[in-house]
Amino acid sequence: MNDLPDFVYFNHSIHINKGVGCESCHGRVDKMPLTWQENSLQMEWCLNCHRHPEKYVRPRELVTKMGYQPDGDQETIGRQLIKEYGIQDARTLTSCNTCHR
């Protein structure tokens, strides 16, 4: 993870364990001749995923797969995985104290 302000809490492992793929945040590092920051990592960017995790979660065994393509409709698969992985609802995920401690 890049350098975040001291008041922002980020747990890398919870994202991996909940099925957020590496490339969702880091981009296609397998195609980068030099690694760069793919996404802004601004609060708005994080909240987009926290509000709509069904668009981003994938099977845990595929979190490191670059170029992941779902075997069906991503949002349908995502909703299924949200239940299976016990991902909290958007209201909880967007509560201030989820990331600010």
N, C-alpha and C. Protein backbone atom coordinates (compact mmCIF):
# COMPACT_ATOMS: atom_id res chain seq x y z
N MET A 1 0.85 -1.18 0.00
CA MET A 1 0.00 0.00 0.00
C MET A 1 0.89 1.23 0.00
N ASN A 2 0.40 2.25 -0.62
CA ASN A 2 1.15 3.51 -0.64
C ASN A 2 1.08 4.19 0.72
N ASP A 3 1.74 5.30 0.83
CA ASP A 3 1.79 6.05 2.07
C ASP A 3 0.45 6.74 2.31
N LEU A 4 -0.25 6.31 3.35
CA LEU A 4 -1.55 6.88 3.70
C LEU A 4 -1.41 7.76 4.93
N PRO A 5 -2.32 8.71 5.10
CA PRO A 5 -2.28 9.55 6.30
C PRO A 5 -2.38 8.69 7.56
N ASP A 6 -1.82 9.17 8.65
CA ASP A 6 -1.81 8.43 9.91
C ASP A 6 -3.21 8.11 10.43
N PHE A 7 -4.20 8.92 10.09
CA PHE A 7 -5.55 8.70 10.60
C PHE A 7 -6.35 7.69 9.78
N VAL A 8 -5.75 7.13 8.74
CA VAL A 8 -6.43 6.13 7.91
C VAL A 8 -5.89 4.75 8.28
N TYR A 9 -6.82 3.84 8.60
CA TYR A 9 -6.46 2.47 8.92
C TYR A 9 -6.71 1.62 7.68
N PHE A 10 -5.71 0.87 7.28
CA PHE A 10 -5.86 -0.03 6.14
C PHE A 10 -5.28 -1.39 6.49
N ASN A 11 -6.10 -2.43 6.37
CA ASN A 11 -5.66 -3.79 6.63
C ASN A 11 -5.64 -4.54 5.31
N HIS A 12 -4.46 -4.78 4.79
CA HIS A 12 -4.30 -5.45 3.50
C HIS A 12 -4.93 -6.84 3.52
N SER A 13 -4.71 -7.59 4.59
CA SER A 13 -5.17 -8.98 4.63
C SER A 13 -6.69 -9.12 4.60
N ILE A 14 -7.41 -8.19 5.20
CA ILE A 14 -8.88 -8.30 5.19
C ILE A 14 -9.40 -8.18 3.76
N HIS A 15 -8.78 -7.33 2.96
CA HIS A 15 -9.21 -7.18 1.57
C HIS A 15 -8.94 -8.45 0.77
N ILE A 16 -7.77 -9.04 0.96
CA ILE A 16 -7.43 -10.29 0.27
C ILE A 16 -8.36 -11.41 0.73
N ASN A 17 -8.57 -11.54 2.04
CA ASN A 17 -9.43 -12.60 2.57
C ASN A 17 -10.89 -12.45 2.17
N LYS A 18 -11.31 -11.25 1.84
CA LYS A 18 -12.69 -11.02 1.39
C LYS A 18 -12.82 -11.07 -0.12
N GLY A 19 -11.74 -11.41 -0.83
CA GLY A 19 -11.82 -11.63 -2.27
C GLY A 19 -11.58 -10.42 -3.15
N VAL A 20 -10.94 -9.39 -2.62
CA VAL A 20 -10.60 -8.24 -3.46
C VAL A 20 -9.29 -8.56 -4.16
N GLY A 21 -9.33 -8.62 -5.48
CA GLY A 21 -8.15 -8.97 -6.26
C GLY A 21 -7.06 -7.92 -6.20
N CYS A 22 -5.83 -8.37 -6.29
CA CYS A 22 -4.67 -7.46 -6.26
C CYS A 22 -4.82 -6.34 -7.29
N GLU A 23 -5.24 -6.71 -8.50
CA GLU A 23 -5.30 -5.71 -9.56
C GLU A 23 -6.41 -4.68 -9.35
N SER A 24 -7.37 -4.96 -8.46
CA SER A 24 -8.41 -3.98 -8.17
C SER A 24 -7.81 -2.69 -7.63
N CYS A 25 -6.76 -2.81 -6.84
CA CYS A 25 -6.09 -1.64 -6.26
C CYS A 25 -4.78 -1.32 -6.95
N HIS A 26 -4.00 -2.36 -7.22
CA HIS A 26 -2.64 -2.16 -7.72
C HIS A 26 -2.55 -2.08 -9.24
N GLY A 27 -3.63 -2.44 -9.94
CA GLY A 27 -3.60 -2.44 -11.40
C GLY A 27 -2.89 -3.69 -11.93
N ARG A 28 -2.73 -3.73 -13.23
CA ARG A 28 -2.10 -4.87 -13.90
C ARG A 28 -0.58 -4.77 -13.79
N VAL A 29 -0.05 -5.08 -12.62
CA VAL A 29 1.39 -4.98 -12.41
C VAL A 29 2.17 -5.92 -13.33
N ASP A 30 1.52 -6.96 -13.82
CA ASP A 30 2.20 -7.87 -14.75
C ASP A 30 2.47 -7.22 -16.10
N LYS A 31 1.83 -6.09 -16.36
CA LYS A 31 2.02 -5.37 -17.63
C LYS A 31 2.75 -4.04 -17.45
N MET A 32 3.22 -3.77 -16.24
CA MET A 32 3.92 -2.51 -15.96
C MET A 32 5.43 -2.74 -16.05
N PRO A 33 6.11 -2.05 -16.95
CA PRO A 33 7.57 -2.18 -16.99
C PRO A 33 8.21 -1.66 -15.71
N LEU A 34 7.61 -0.64 -15.13
CA LEU A 34 7.96 -0.13 -13.81
C LEU A 34 6.66 0.00 -13.03
N THR A 35 6.67 -0.40 -11.79
CA THR A 35 5.44 -0.34 -11.00
C THR A 35 5.10 1.12 -10.68
N TRP A 36 3.84 1.48 -10.88
CA TRP A 36 3.37 2.83 -10.57
C TRP A 36 2.05 2.73 -9.84
N GLN A 37 1.61 3.85 -9.30
CA GLN A 37 0.33 3.90 -8.60
C GLN A 37 -0.78 3.99 -9.64
N GLU A 38 -1.55 2.93 -9.75
CA GLU A 38 -2.60 2.83 -10.76
C GLU A 38 -3.84 3.65 -10.39
N ASN A 39 -4.18 3.69 -9.11
CA ASN A 39 -5.40 4.35 -8.66
C ASN A 39 -5.07 5.48 -7.68
N SER A 40 -6.03 6.37 -7.51
CA SER A 40 -5.79 7.57 -6.69
C SER A 40 -5.60 7.27 -5.21
N LEU A 41 -6.25 6.21 -4.72
CA LEU A 41 -6.26 5.87 -3.30
C LEU A 41 -6.87 6.98 -2.45
N GLN A 42 -7.63 7.85 -3.09
CA GLN A 42 -8.37 8.89 -2.38
C GLN A 42 -9.62 8.27 -1.75
N MET A 43 -10.15 8.91 -0.76
CA MET A 43 -11.32 8.40 -0.05
C MET A 43 -12.47 8.08 -1.00
N GLU A 44 -12.73 8.93 -1.95
CA GLU A 44 -13.82 8.70 -2.92
C GLU A 44 -13.62 7.38 -3.66
N TRP A 45 -12.39 7.09 -4.03
CA TRP A 45 -12.08 5.85 -4.75
C TRP A 45 -12.36 4.64 -3.86
N CYS A 46 -11.92 4.70 -2.60
CA CYS A 46 -12.17 3.61 -1.65
C CYS A 46 -13.67 3.41 -1.42
N LEU A 47 -14.38 4.51 -1.24
CA LEU A 47 -15.82 4.43 -0.97
C LEU A 47 -16.59 3.79 -2.12
N ASN A 48 -16.16 3.99 -3.34
CA ASN A 48 -16.83 3.37 -4.47
C ASN A 48 -16.86 1.85 -4.32
N CYS A 49 -15.76 1.27 -3.90
CA CYS A 49 -15.69 -0.17 -3.69
C CYS A 49 -16.48 -0.57 -2.43
N HIS A 50 -16.35 0.21 -1.37
CA HIS A 50 -17.07 -0.11 -0.14
C HIS A 50 -18.58 -0.02 -0.34
N ARG A 51 -19.04 0.83 -1.22
CA ARG A 51 -20.48 0.95 -1.49
C ARG A 51 -20.98 -0.16 -2.42
N HIS A 52 -20.11 -0.67 -3.28
CA HIS A 52 -20.50 -1.65 -4.30
C HIS A 52 -19.51 -2.81 -4.37
N PRO A 53 -19.30 -3.53 -3.27
CA PRO A 53 -18.28 -4.59 -3.30
C PRO A 53 -18.59 -5.70 -4.30
N GLU A 54 -19.85 -5.87 -4.65
CA GLU A 54 -20.22 -6.92 -5.61
C GLU A 54 -19.54 -6.74 -6.96
N LYS A 55 -19.12 -5.53 -7.27
CA LYS A 55 -18.45 -5.27 -8.54
C LYS A 55 -16.98 -5.69 -8.52
N TYR A 56 -16.44 -5.95 -7.32
CA TYR A 56 -15.00 -6.14 -7.19
C TYR A 56 -14.56 -7.47 -6.60
N VAL A 57 -15.40 -8.12 -5.81
CA VAL A 57 -14.96 -9.36 -5.17
C VAL A 57 -14.92 -10.51 -6.18
N ARG A 58 -14.03 -11.43 -5.92
CA ARG A 58 -13.85 -12.60 -6.78
C ARG A 58 -13.53 -13.79 -5.88
N PRO A 59 -13.53 -14.98 -6.43
CA PRO A 59 -13.16 -16.14 -5.61
C PRO A 59 -11.77 -15.94 -5.00
N ARG A 60 -11.63 -16.31 -3.74
CA ARG A 60 -10.36 -16.10 -3.02
C ARG A 60 -9.17 -16.71 -3.74
N GLU A 61 -9.38 -17.86 -4.34
CA GLU A 61 -8.26 -18.54 -5.01
C GLU A 61 -7.80 -17.80 -6.26
N LEU A 62 -8.54 -16.76 -6.66
CA LEU A 62 -8.20 -16.00 -7.86
C LEU A 62 -7.80 -14.55 -7.56
N VAL A 63 -7.58 -14.22 -6.29
CA VAL A 63 -7.25 -12.82 -5.97
C VAL A 63 -5.94 -12.36 -6.61
N THR A 64 -5.00 -13.27 -6.84
CA THR A 64 -3.71 -12.88 -7.43
C THR A 64 -3.69 -13.01 -8.95
N LYS A 65 -4.77 -13.51 -9.54
CA LYS A 65 -4.81 -13.69 -10.99
C LYS A 65 -4.97 -12.35 -11.70
N MET A 66 -3.99 -12.00 -12.50
CA MET A 66 -4.07 -10.78 -13.30
C MET A 66 -4.95 -11.04 -14.52
N GLY A 67 -5.75 -10.06 -14.90
CA GLY A 67 -6.64 -10.21 -16.05
C GLY A 67 -7.84 -11.09 -15.75
N TYR A 68 -8.23 -11.17 -14.49
CA TYR A 68 -9.38 -11.99 -14.08
C TYR A 68 -10.63 -11.62 -14.87
N GLN A 69 -11.30 -12.64 -15.36
CA GLN A 69 -12.59 -12.48 -16.02
C GLN A 69 -13.56 -13.44 -15.33
N PRO A 70 -14.68 -12.95 -14.82
CA PRO A 70 -15.62 -13.85 -14.14
C PRO A 70 -16.26 -14.83 -15.11
N ASP A 71 -16.69 -15.97 -14.58
CA ASP A 71 -17.36 -17.00 -15.38
C ASP A 71 -18.85 -16.73 -15.54
N GLY A 72 -19.26 -15.51 -15.43
CA GLY A 72 -20.66 -15.12 -15.53
C GLY A 72 -20.76 -13.64 -15.21
N ASP A 73 -21.96 -13.22 -14.84
CA ASP A 73 -22.19 -11.83 -14.50
C ASP A 73 -21.50 -11.47 -13.19
N GLN A 74 -20.59 -10.52 -13.22
CA GLN A 74 -19.79 -10.15 -12.04
C GLN A 74 -20.66 -9.76 -10.86
N GLU A 75 -21.69 -8.99 -11.08
CA GLU A 75 -22.50 -8.54 -9.95
C GLU A 75 -23.26 -9.69 -9.30
N THR A 76 -23.71 -10.65 -10.10
CA THR A 76 -24.39 -11.83 -9.55
C THR A 76 -23.40 -12.67 -8.74
N ILE A 77 -22.24 -12.91 -9.32
CA ILE A 77 -21.19 -13.66 -8.61
C ILE A 77 -20.78 -12.90 -7.36
N GLY A 78 -20.62 -11.59 -7.49
CA GLY A 78 -20.22 -10.76 -6.35
C GLY A 78 -21.21 -10.82 -5.20
N ARG A 79 -22.50 -10.75 -5.50
CA ARG A 79 -23.52 -10.83 -4.45
C ARG A 79 -23.45 -12.18 -3.73
N GLN A 80 -23.20 -13.23 -4.49
CA GLN A 80 -23.07 -14.57 -3.92
C GLN A 80 -21.85 -14.64 -2.99
N LEU A 81 -20.73 -14.09 -3.45
CA LEU A 81 -19.50 -14.12 -2.65
C LEU A 81 -19.60 -13.24 -1.41
N ILE A 82 -20.34 -12.15 -1.50
CA ILE A 82 -20.55 -11.28 -0.34
C ILE A 82 -21.20 -12.08 0.79
N LYS A 83 -22.20 -12.88 0.45
CA LYS A 83 -22.86 -13.73 1.45
C LYS A 83 -21.90 -14.80 1.96
N GLU A 84 -21.24 -15.47 1.03
CA GLU A 84 -20.33 -16.57 1.38
C GLU A 84 -19.18 -16.11 2.27
N TYR A 85 -18.63 -14.94 1.99
CA TYR A 85 -17.47 -14.43 2.72
C TYR A 85 -17.85 -13.58 3.93
N GLY A 86 -19.13 -13.37 4.14
CA GLY A 86 -19.57 -12.57 5.29
C GLY A 86 -19.16 -11.11 5.21
N ILE A 87 -19.19 -10.57 4.00
CA ILE A 87 -18.85 -9.16 3.81
C ILE A 87 -20.01 -8.31 4.34
N GLN A 88 -19.68 -7.31 5.13
CA GLN A 88 -20.70 -6.48 5.75
C GLN A 88 -21.44 -5.64 4.71
N ASP A 89 -22.59 -5.10 5.11
CA ASP A 89 -23.38 -4.28 4.20
C ASP A 89 -22.71 -2.93 3.96
N ALA A 90 -23.16 -2.25 2.91
CA ALA A 90 -22.55 -0.97 2.51
C ALA A 90 -22.62 0.07 3.62
N ARG A 91 -23.68 0.05 4.39
CA ARG A 91 -23.80 1.03 5.48
C ARG A 91 -22.66 0.85 6.49
N THR A 92 -22.36 -0.38 6.83
CA THR A 92 -21.27 -0.66 7.77
C THR A 92 -19.92 -0.38 7.12
N LEU A 93 -19.75 -0.80 5.87
CA LEU A 93 -18.48 -0.60 5.18
C LEU A 93 -18.15 0.87 4.96
N THR A 94 -19.17 1.71 4.93
CA THR A 94 -18.93 3.15 4.71
C THR A 94 -19.02 3.96 6.00
N SER A 95 -19.14 3.29 7.13
CA SER A 95 -19.10 3.98 8.41
C SER A 95 -17.70 4.58 8.59
N CYS A 96 -17.63 5.78 9.10
CA CYS A 96 -16.34 6.47 9.25
C CYS A 96 -15.30 5.63 9.98
N ASN A 97 -15.73 4.93 11.05
CA ASN A 97 -14.75 4.21 11.86
C ASN A 97 -14.27 2.91 11.22
N THR A 98 -14.77 2.56 10.05
CA THR A 98 -14.23 1.40 9.34
C THR A 98 -12.79 1.68 8.92
N CYS A 99 -12.52 2.90 8.49
CA CYS A 99 -11.19 3.26 8.00
C CYS A 99 -10.48 4.32 8.83
N HIS A 100 -11.24 5.07 9.63
CA HIS A 100 -10.66 6.16 10.42
C HIS A 100 -10.71 5.77 11.89
N ARG A 101 -9.53 5.66 12.48
CA ARG A 101 -9.45 5.21 13.89
C ARG A 101 -8.77 6.24 14.74
